Amino acid sequence: MHTWQLQEAKSRFSEMVERTLSEGPQMVTRRGQDVVVVLSALDYRRMSGVPSLLKTLLGAPRGEPLEIERIREPIRDLTL
């Protein structure tokens, strides 16, 4: 994991983003202390457990089949 000082990360943000996408998470320090880790959205979703819309829909409860019986009688007389 590459480490960036905060000032360097701010001035070279585009490069830090590119390295995050190609190499993985990037550490940012402030006054010599680790303060944040920059990671890709894909890595974040995988780590935080946020499911994709497709996975959510496929995992939705199925329930029982819906059976509807229609009454064959007209509901009311219609005058035109």
PDB file of N, CA and C in Angstrom:
ATOM      1  N   MET A   1       0.851  -1.175   0.000  1.00  0.00           N
ATOM      2  CA  MET A   1       0.000   0.000   0.000  1.00  0.00           C
ATOM      3  C   MET A   1       0.893   1.233   0.000  1.00  0.00           C
ATOM      4  N   HIS A   2       0.654   2.112  -0.946  1.00  0.00           N
ATOM      5  CA  HIS A   2       1.416   3.357  -1.044  1.00  0.00           C
ATOM      6  C   HIS A   2       0.916   4.341   0.007  1.00  0.00           C
ATOM      7  N   THR A   3       1.816   5.116   0.577  1.00  0.00           N
ATOM      8  CA  THR A   3       1.455   6.108   1.574  1.00  0.00           C
ATOM      9  C   THR A   3       1.699   7.506   1.018  1.00  0.00           C
ATOM     10  N   TRP A   4       0.724   8.375   1.220  1.00  0.00           N
ATOM     11  CA  TRP A   4       0.785   9.753   0.747  1.00  0.00           C
ATOM     12  C   TRP A   4       0.648  10.700   1.930  1.00  0.00           C
ATOM     13  N   GLN A   5       1.468  11.761   1.948  1.00  0.00           N
ATOM     14  CA  GLN A   5       1.226  12.825   2.905  1.00  0.00           C
ATOM     15  C   GLN A   5       0.015  13.608   2.407  1.00  0.00           C
ATOM     16  N   LEU A   6      -0.750  14.190   3.298  1.00  0.00           N
ATOM     17  CA  LEU A   6      -1.987  14.869   2.937  1.00  0.00           C
ATOM     18  C   LEU A   6      -1.765  15.928   1.852  1.00  0.00           C
ATOM     19  N   GLN A   7      -0.757  16.769   2.006  1.00  0.00           N
ATOM     20  CA  GLN A   7      -0.490  17.812   1.003  1.00  0.00           C
ATOM     21  C   GLN A   7      -0.214  17.191  -0.363  1.00  0.00           C
ATOM     22  N   GLU A   8       0.565  16.130  -0.375  1.00  0.00           N
ATOM     23  CA  GLU A   8       0.889  15.444  -1.634  1.00  0.00           C
ATOM     24  C   GLU A   8      -0.375  14.821  -2.239  1.00  0.00           C
ATOM     25  N   ALA A   9      -1.205  14.222  -1.401  1.00  0.00           N
ATOM     26  CA  ALA A   9      -2.445  13.607  -1.886  1.00  0.00           C
ATOM     27  C   ALA A   9      -3.369  14.659  -2.487  1.00  0.00           C
ATOM     28  N   LYS A  10      -3.426  15.839  -1.891  1.00  0.00           N
ATOM     29  CA  LYS A  10      -4.279  16.906  -2.415  1.00  0.00           C
ATOM     30  C   LYS A  10      -3.752  17.420  -3.747  1.00  0.00           C
ATOM     31  N   SER A  11      -2.473  17.610  -3.843  1.00  0.00           N
ATOM     32  CA  SER A  11      -1.923  18.188  -5.066  1.00  0.00           C
ATOM     33  C   SER A  11      -1.838  17.177  -6.212  1.00  0.00           C
ATOM     34  N   ARG A  12      -1.807  15.900  -5.886  1.00  0.00           N
ATOM     35  CA  ARG A  12      -1.692  14.860  -6.922  1.00  0.00           C
ATOM     36  C   ARG A  12      -2.875  13.896  -6.848  1.00  0.00           C
ATOM     37  N   PHE A  13      -4.067  14.452  -6.594  1.00  0.00           N
ATOM     38  CA  PHE A  13      -5.254  13.638  -6.369  1.00  0.00           C
ATOM     39  C   PHE A  13      -5.558  12.697  -7.536  1.00  0.00           C
ATOM     40  N   SER A  14      -5.482  13.200  -8.760  1.00  0.00           N
ATOM     41  CA  SER A  14      -5.773  12.350  -9.930  1.00  0.00           C
ATOM     42  C   SER A  14      -4.831  11.152  -9.988  1.00  0.00           C
ATOM     43  N   GLU A  15      -3.576  11.387  -9.703  1.00  0.00           N
ATOM     44  CA  GLU A  15      -2.610  10.284  -9.703  1.00  0.00           C
ATOM     45  C   GLU A  15      -2.933   9.291  -8.591  1.00  0.00           C
ATOM     46  N   MET A  16      -3.324   9.800  -7.430  1.00  0.00           N
ATOM     47  CA  MET A  16      -3.675   8.913  -6.322  1.00  0.00           C
ATOM     48  C   MET A  16      -4.883   8.048  -6.691  1.00  0.00           C
ATOM     49  N   VAL A  17      -5.875   8.644  -7.360  1.00  0.00           N
ATOM     50  CA  VAL A  17      -7.048   7.880  -7.793  1.00  0.00           C
ATOM     51  C   VAL A  17      -6.625   6.792  -8.780  1.00  0.00           C
ATOM     52  N   GLU A  18      -5.806   7.142  -9.755  1.00  0.00           N
ATOM     53  CA  GLU A  18      -5.338   6.145 -10.738  1.00  0.00           C
ATOM     54  C   GLU A  18      -4.588   5.004 -10.064  1.00  0.00           C
ATOM     55  N   ARG A  19      -3.732   5.335  -9.096  1.00  0.00           N
ATOM     56  CA  ARG A  19      -2.987   4.286  -8.383  1.00  0.00           C
ATOM     57  C   ARG A  19      -3.925   3.433  -7.536  1.00  0.00           C
ATOM     58  N   THR A  20      -4.970   4.048  -6.993  1.00  0.00           N
ATOM     59  CA  THR A  20      -5.960   3.289  -6.225  1.00  0.00           C
ATOM     60  C   THR A  20      -6.622   2.260  -7.113  1.00  0.00           C
ATOM     61  N   LEU A  21      -6.987   2.666  -8.325  1.00  0.00           N
ATOM     62  CA  LEU A  21      -7.653   1.755  -9.251  1.00  0.00           C
ATOM     63  C   LEU A  21      -6.729   0.667  -9.775  1.00  0.00           C
ATOM     64  N   SER A  22      -5.455   1.001  -9.964  1.00  0.00           N
ATOM     65  CA  SER A  22      -4.534   0.007 -10.530  1.00  0.00           C
ATOM     66  C   SER A  22      -3.798  -0.831  -9.485  1.00  0.00           C
ATOM     67  N   GLU A  23      -3.508  -0.237  -8.310  1.00  0.00           N
ATOM     68  CA  GLU A  23      -2.695  -0.938  -7.314  1.00  0.00           C
ATOM     69  C   GLU A  23      -3.455  -1.331  -6.051  1.00  0.00           C
ATOM     70  N   GLY A  24      -4.571  -0.675  -5.794  1.00  0.00           N
ATOM     71  CA  GLY A  24      -5.316  -0.974  -4.579  1.00  0.00           C
ATOM     72  C   GLY A  24      -5.340   0.214  -3.634  1.00  0.00           C
ATOM     73  N   PRO A  25      -5.782   0.001  -2.399  1.00  0.00           N
ATOM     74  CA  PRO A  25      -5.950   1.085  -1.423  1.00  0.00           C
ATOM     75  C   PRO A  25      -4.677   1.903  -1.216  1.00  0.00           C
ATOM     76  N   GLN A  26      -4.876   3.194  -0.935  1.00  0.00           N
ATOM     77  CA  GLN A  26      -3.783   4.137  -0.701  1.00  0.00           C
ATOM     78  C   GLN A  26      -3.966   4.765   0.679  1.00  0.00           C
ATOM     79  N   MET A  27      -2.883   4.816   1.454  1.00  0.00           N
ATOM     80  CA  MET A  27      -2.912   5.398   2.804  1.00  0.00           C
ATOM     81  C   MET A  27      -2.568   6.881   2.721  1.00  0.00           C
ATOM     82  N   VAL A  28      -3.293   7.709   3.480  1.00  0.00           N
ATOM     83  CA  VAL A  28      -2.997   9.141   3.560  1.00  0.00           C
ATOM     84  C   VAL A  28      -2.663   9.457   5.014  1.00  0.00           C
ATOM     85  N   THR A  29      -1.564  10.200   5.201  1.00  0.00           N
ATOM     86  CA  THR A  29      -1.129  10.566   6.555  1.00  0.00           C
ATOM     87  C   THR A  29      -1.239  12.079   6.747  1.00  0.00           C
ATOM     88  N   ARG A  30      -1.401  12.475   8.008  1.00  0.00           N
ATOM     89  CA  ARG A  30      -1.387  13.891   8.381  1.00  0.00           C
ATOM     90  C   ARG A  30      -0.540  14.006   9.638  1.00  0.00           C
ATOM     91  N   ARG A  31       0.467  14.844   9.564  1.00  0.00           N
ATOM     92  CA  ARG A  31       1.420  15.018  10.675  1.00  0.00           C
ATOM     93  C   ARG A  31       2.008  13.685  11.134  1.00  0.00           C
ATOM     94  N   GLY A  32       2.283  12.815  10.165  1.00  0.00           N
ATOM     95  CA  GLY A  32       2.931  11.538  10.464  1.00  0.00           C
ATOM     96  C   GLY A  32       2.009  10.438  10.948  1.00  0.00           C
ATOM     97  N   GLN A  33       0.738  10.724  11.079  1.00  0.00           N
ATOM     98  CA  GLN A  33      -0.228   9.728  11.559  1.00  0.00           C
ATOM     99  C   GLN A  33      -1.112   9.255  10.409  1.00  0.00           C
ATOM    100  N   ASP A  34      -1.391   7.953  10.349  1.00  0.00           N
ATOM    101  CA  ASP A  34      -2.320   7.429   9.359  1.00  0.00           C
ATOM    102  C   ASP A  34      -3.707   7.987   9.678  1.00  0.00           C
ATOM    103  N   VAL A  35      -4.368   8.610   8.676  1.00  0.00           N
ATOM    104  CA  VAL A  35      -5.677   9.192   8.942  1.00  0.00           C
ATOM    105  C   VAL A  35      -6.793   8.613   8.073  1.00  0.00           C
ATOM    106  N   VAL A  36      -6.522   8.331   6.811  1.00  0.00           N
ATOM    107  CA  VAL A  36      -7.553   7.762   5.942  1.00  0.00           C
ATOM    108  C   VAL A  36      -6.928   6.796   4.948  1.00  0.00           C
ATOM    109  N   VAL A  37      -7.785   5.913   4.434  1.00  0.00           N
ATOM    110  CA  VAL A  37      -7.400   5.008   3.362  1.00  0.00           C
ATOM    111  C   VAL A  37      -8.341   5.287   2.200  1.00  0.00           C
ATOM    112  N   VAL A  38      -7.777   5.501   1.022  1.00  0.00           N
ATOM    113  CA  VAL A  38      -8.575   5.719  -0.179  1.00  0.00           C
ATOM    114  C   VAL A  38      -8.669   4.380  -0.894  1.00  0.00           C
ATOM    115  N   LEU A  39      -9.893   3.949  -1.195  1.00  0.00           N
ATOM    116  CA  LEU A  39     -10.061   2.697  -1.927  1.00  0.00           C
ATOM    117  C   LEU A  39     -11.128   2.848  -2.988  1.00  0.00           C
ATOM    118  N   SER A  40     -11.107   1.952  -3.947  1.00  0.00           N
ATOM    119  CA  SER A  40     -12.044   2.028  -5.064  1.00  0.00           C
ATOM    120  C   SER A  40     -13.462   1.753  -4.584  1.00  0.00           C
ATOM    121  N   ALA A  41     -14.435   2.211  -5.372  1.00  0.00           N
ATOM    122  CA  ALA A  41     -15.838   1.985  -5.038  1.00  0.00           C
ATOM    123  C   ALA A  41     -16.140   0.489  -5.002  1.00  0.00           C
ATOM    124  N   LEU A  42     -15.537  -0.267  -5.927  1.00  0.00           N
ATOM    125  CA  LEU A  42     -15.747  -1.714  -5.956  1.00  0.00           C
ATOM    126  C   LEU A  42     -15.242  -2.364  -4.666  1.00  0.00           C
ATOM    127  N   ASP A  43     -14.049  -1.979  -4.231  1.00  0.00           N
ATOM    128  CA  ASP A  43     -13.510  -2.514  -2.974  1.00  0.00           C
ATOM    129  C   ASP A  43     -14.392  -2.121  -1.789  1.00  0.00           C
ATOM    130  N   TYR A  44     -14.855  -0.874  -1.793  1.00  0.00           N
ATOM    131  CA  TYR A  44     -15.716  -0.405  -0.710  1.00  0.00           C
ATOM    132  C   TYR A  44     -17.002  -1.225  -0.632  1.00  0.00           C
ATOM    133  N   ARG A  45     -17.656  -1.417  -1.786  1.00  0.00           N
ATOM    134  CA  ARG A  45     -18.910  -2.184  -1.796  1.00  0.00           C
ATOM    135  C   ARG A  45     -18.679  -3.614  -1.311  1.00  0.00           C
ATOM    136  N   ARG A  46     -17.573  -4.201  -1.754  1.00  0.00           N
ATOM    137  CA  ARG A  46     -17.277  -5.572  -1.347  1.00  0.00           C
ATOM    138  C   ARG A  46     -17.036  -5.650   0.163  1.00  0.00           C
ATOM    139  N   MET A  47     -16.325  -4.672   0.708  1.00  0.00           N
ATOM    140  CA  MET A  47     -15.999  -4.698   2.131  1.00  0.00           C
ATOM    141  C   MET A  47     -17.178  -4.310   3.012  1.00  0.00           C
ATOM    142  N   SER A  48     -18.022  -3.395   2.538  1.00  0.00           N
ATOM    143  CA  SER A  48     -19.127  -2.923   3.373  1.00  0.00           C
ATOM    144  C   SER A  48     -20.361  -3.806   3.264  1.00  0.00           C
ATOM    145  N   GLY A  49     -20.355  -4.716   2.310  1.00  0.00           N
ATOM    146  CA  GLY A  49     -21.482  -5.617   2.177  1.00  0.00           C
ATOM    147  C   GLY A  49     -22.683  -4.993   1.494  1.00  0.00           C
ATOM    148  N   VAL A  50     -22.504  -3.860   0.824  1.00  0.00           N
ATOM    149  CA  VAL A  50     -23.604  -3.237   0.098  1.00  0.00           C
ATOM    150  C   VAL A  50     -23.858  -4.056  -1.160  1.00  0.00           C
ATOM    151  N   PRO A  51     -25.007  -4.726  -1.241  1.00  0.00           N
ATOM    152  CA  PRO A  51     -25.264  -5.576  -2.407  1.00  0.00           C
ATOM    153  C   PRO A  51     -25.665  -4.762  -3.629  1.00  0.00           C
ATOM    154  N   SER A  52     -25.438  -5.331  -4.787  1.00  0.00           N
ATOM    155  CA  SER A  52     -25.872  -4.676  -6.016  1.00  0.00           C
ATOM    156  C   SER A  52     -27.393  -4.791  -6.138  1.00  0.00           C
ATOM    157  N   LEU A  53     -27.974  -3.975  -6.986  1.00  0.00           N
ATOM    158  CA  LEU A  53     -29.418  -4.023  -7.195  1.00  0.00           C
ATOM    159  C   LEU A  53     -29.828  -5.397  -7.712  1.00  0.00           C
ATOM    160  N   LEU A  54     -29.061  -5.940  -8.643  1.00  0.00           N
ATOM    161  CA  LEU A  54     -29.382  -7.257  -9.189  1.00  0.00           C
ATOM    162  C   LEU A  54     -29.382  -8.312  -8.090  1.00  0.00           C
ATOM    163  N   LYS A  55     -28.364  -8.308  -7.246  1.00  0.00           N
ATOM    164  CA  LYS A  55     -28.283  -9.291  -6.160  1.00  0.00           C
ATOM    165  C   LYS A  55     -29.450  -9.126  -5.191  1.00  0.00           C
ATOM    166  N   THR A  56     -29.836  -7.881  -4.920  1.00  0.00           N
ATOM    167  CA  THR A  56     -30.965  -7.621  -4.032  1.00  0.00           C
ATOM    168  C   THR A  56     -32.260  -8.167  -4.621  1.00  0.00           C
ATOM    169  N   LEU A  57     -32.487  -7.891  -5.913  1.00  0.00           N
ATOM    170  CA  LEU A  57     -33.715  -8.363  -6.551  1.00  0.00           C
ATOM    171  C   LEU A  57     -33.756  -9.885  -6.644  1.00  0.00           C
ATOM    172  N   LEU A  58     -32.617 -10.494  -6.966  1.00  0.00           N
ATOM    173  CA  LEU A  58     -32.583 -11.955  -7.054  1.00  0.00           C
ATOM    174  C   LEU A  58     -32.763 -12.614  -5.693  1.00  0.00           C
ATOM    175  N   GLY A  59     -32.399 -11.904  -4.628  1.00  0.00           N
ATOM    176  CA  GLY A  59     -32.523 -12.452  -3.287  1.00  0.00           C
ATOM    177  C   GLY A  59     -33.832 -12.112  -2.596  1.00  0.00           C
ATOM    178  N   ALA A  60     -34.718 -11.417  -3.301  1.00  0.00           N
ATOM    179  CA  ALA A  60     -35.995 -11.023  -2.696  1.00  0.00           C
ATOM    180  C   ALA A  60     -36.837 -12.261  -2.401  1.00  0.00           C
ATOM    181  N   PRO A  61     -37.638 -12.213  -1.332  1.00  0.00           N
ATOM    182  CA  PRO A  61     -38.481 -13.367  -1.013  1.00  0.00           C
ATOM    183  C   PRO A  61     -39.462 -13.650  -2.150  1.00  0.00           C
ATOM    184  N   ARG A  62     -39.671 -14.908  -2.422  1.00  0.00           N
ATOM    185  CA  ARG A  62     -40.538 -15.307  -3.523  1.00  0.00           C
ATOM    186  C   ARG A  62     -42.004 -15.377  -3.114  1.00  0.00           C
ATOM    187  N   GLY A  63     -42.290 -15.780  -1.916  1.00  0.00           N
ATOM    188  CA  GLY A  63     -43.669 -15.887  -1.475  1.00  0.00           C
ATOM    189  C   GLY A  63     -44.382 -17.029  -2.176  1.00  0.00           C
ATOM    190  N   GLU A  64     -45.682 -17.063  -2.009  1.00  0.00           N
ATOM    191  CA  GLU A  64     -46.490 -18.097  -2.646  1.00  0.00           C
ATOM    192  C   GLU A  64     -47.060 -17.549  -3.946  1.00  0.00           C
ATOM    193  N   PRO A  65     -47.332 -18.440  -4.909  1.00  0.00           N
ATOM    194  CA  PRO A  65     -47.903 -17.963  -6.173  1.00  0.00           C
ATOM    195  C   PRO A  65     -49.241 -17.270  -5.937  1.00  0.00           C
ATOM    196  N   LEU A  66     -49.478 -16.242  -6.685  1.00  0.00           N
ATOM    197  CA  LEU A  66     -50.714 -15.484  -6.565  1.00  0.00           C
ATOM    198  C   LEU A  66     -51.758 -16.087  -7.498  1.00  0.00           C
ATOM    199  N   GLU A  67     -52.849 -16.527  -6.913  1.00  0.00           N
ATOM    200  CA  GLU A  67     -53.933 -17.100  -7.707  1.00  0.00           C
ATOM    201  C   GLU A  67     -55.139 -16.180  -7.607  1.00  0.00           C
ATOM    202  N   ILE A  68     -55.591 -15.695  -8.742  1.00  0.00           N
ATOM    203  CA  ILE A  68     -56.722 -14.776  -8.772  1.00  0.00           C
ATOM    204  C   ILE A  68     -57.863 -15.428  -9.538  1.00  0.00           C
ATOM    205  N   GLU A  69     -59.037 -15.455  -8.920  1.00  0.00           N
ATOM    206  CA  GLU A  69     -60.224 -15.955  -9.602  1.00  0.00           C
ATOM    207  C   GLU A  69     -61.099 -14.765  -9.926  1.00  0.00           C
ATOM    208  N   ARG A  70     -61.452 -14.649 -11.184  1.00  0.00           N
ATOM    209  CA  ARG A  70     -62.314 -13.553 -11.593  1.00  0.00           C
ATOM    210  C   ARG A  70     -63.757 -14.018 -11.659  1.00  0.00           C
ATOM    211  N   ILE A  71     -64.627 -13.152 -11.235  1.00  0.00           N
ATOM    212  CA  ILE A  71     -66.054 -13.429 -11.331  1.00  0.00           C
ATOM    213  C   ILE A  71     -66.463 -13.141 -12.774  1.00  0.00           C
ATOM    214  N   ARG A  72     -67.173 -14.064 -13.373  1.00  0.00           N
ATOM    215  CA  ARG A  72     -67.559 -13.917 -14.771  1.00  0.00           C
ATOM    216  C   ARG A  72     -68.794 -13.037 -14.974  1.00  0.00           C
ATOM    217  N   GLU A  73     -69.490 -12.711 -13.919  1.00  0.00           N
ATOM    218  CA  GLU A  73     -70.669 -11.863 -14.025  1.00  0.00           C
ATOM    219  C   GLU A  73     -70.251 -10.402 -14.234  1.00  0.00           C
ATOM    220  N   PRO A  74     -71.048  -9.657 -15.003  1.00  0.00           N
ATOM    221  CA  PRO A  74     -70.725  -8.231 -15.131  1.00  0.00           C
ATOM    222  C   PRO A  74     -70.917  -7.537 -13.790  1.00  0.00           C
ATOM    223  N   ILE A  75     -70.129  -6.580 -13.536  1.00  0.00           N
ATOM    224  CA  ILE A  75     -70.187  -5.867 -12.253  1.00  0.00           C
ATOM    225  C   ILE A  75     -71.398  -4.940 -12.214  1.00  0.00           C
ATOM    226  N   ARG A  76     -71.695  -4.281 -13.319  1.00  0.00           N
ATOM    227  CA  ARG A  76     -72.846  -3.379 -13.369  1.00  0.00           C
ATOM    228  C   ARG A  76     -73.296  -3.252 -14.826  1.00  0.00           C
ATOM    229  N   ASP A  77     -74.495  -2.800 -14.967  1.00  0.00           N
ATOM    230  CA  ASP A  77     -75.000  -2.552 -16.303  1.00  0.00           C
ATOM    231  C   ASP A  77     -74.372  -1.264 -16.822  1.00  0.00           C
ATOM    232  N   LEU A  78     -74.045  -1.281 -18.091  1.00  0.00           N
ATOM    233  CA  LEU A  78     -73.436  -0.121 -18.693  1.00  0.00           C
ATOM    234  C   LEU A  78     -74.363   0.423 -19.768  1.00  0.00           C
ATOM    235  N   THR A  79     -74.769   1.666 -19.595  1.00  0.00           N
ATOM    236  CA  THR A  79     -75.649   2.300 -20.560  1.00  0.00           C
ATOM    237  C   THR A  79     -74.839   3.301 -21.357  1.00  0.00           C
ATOM    238  N   LEU A  80     -74.896   3.151 -22.671  1.00  0.00           N
ATOM    239  CA  LEU A  80     -74.164   4.085 -23.527  1.00  0.00           C
ATOM    240  C   LEU A  80     -75.091   5.025 -24.248  1.00  0.00           C
TER     241      LEU A  80
END
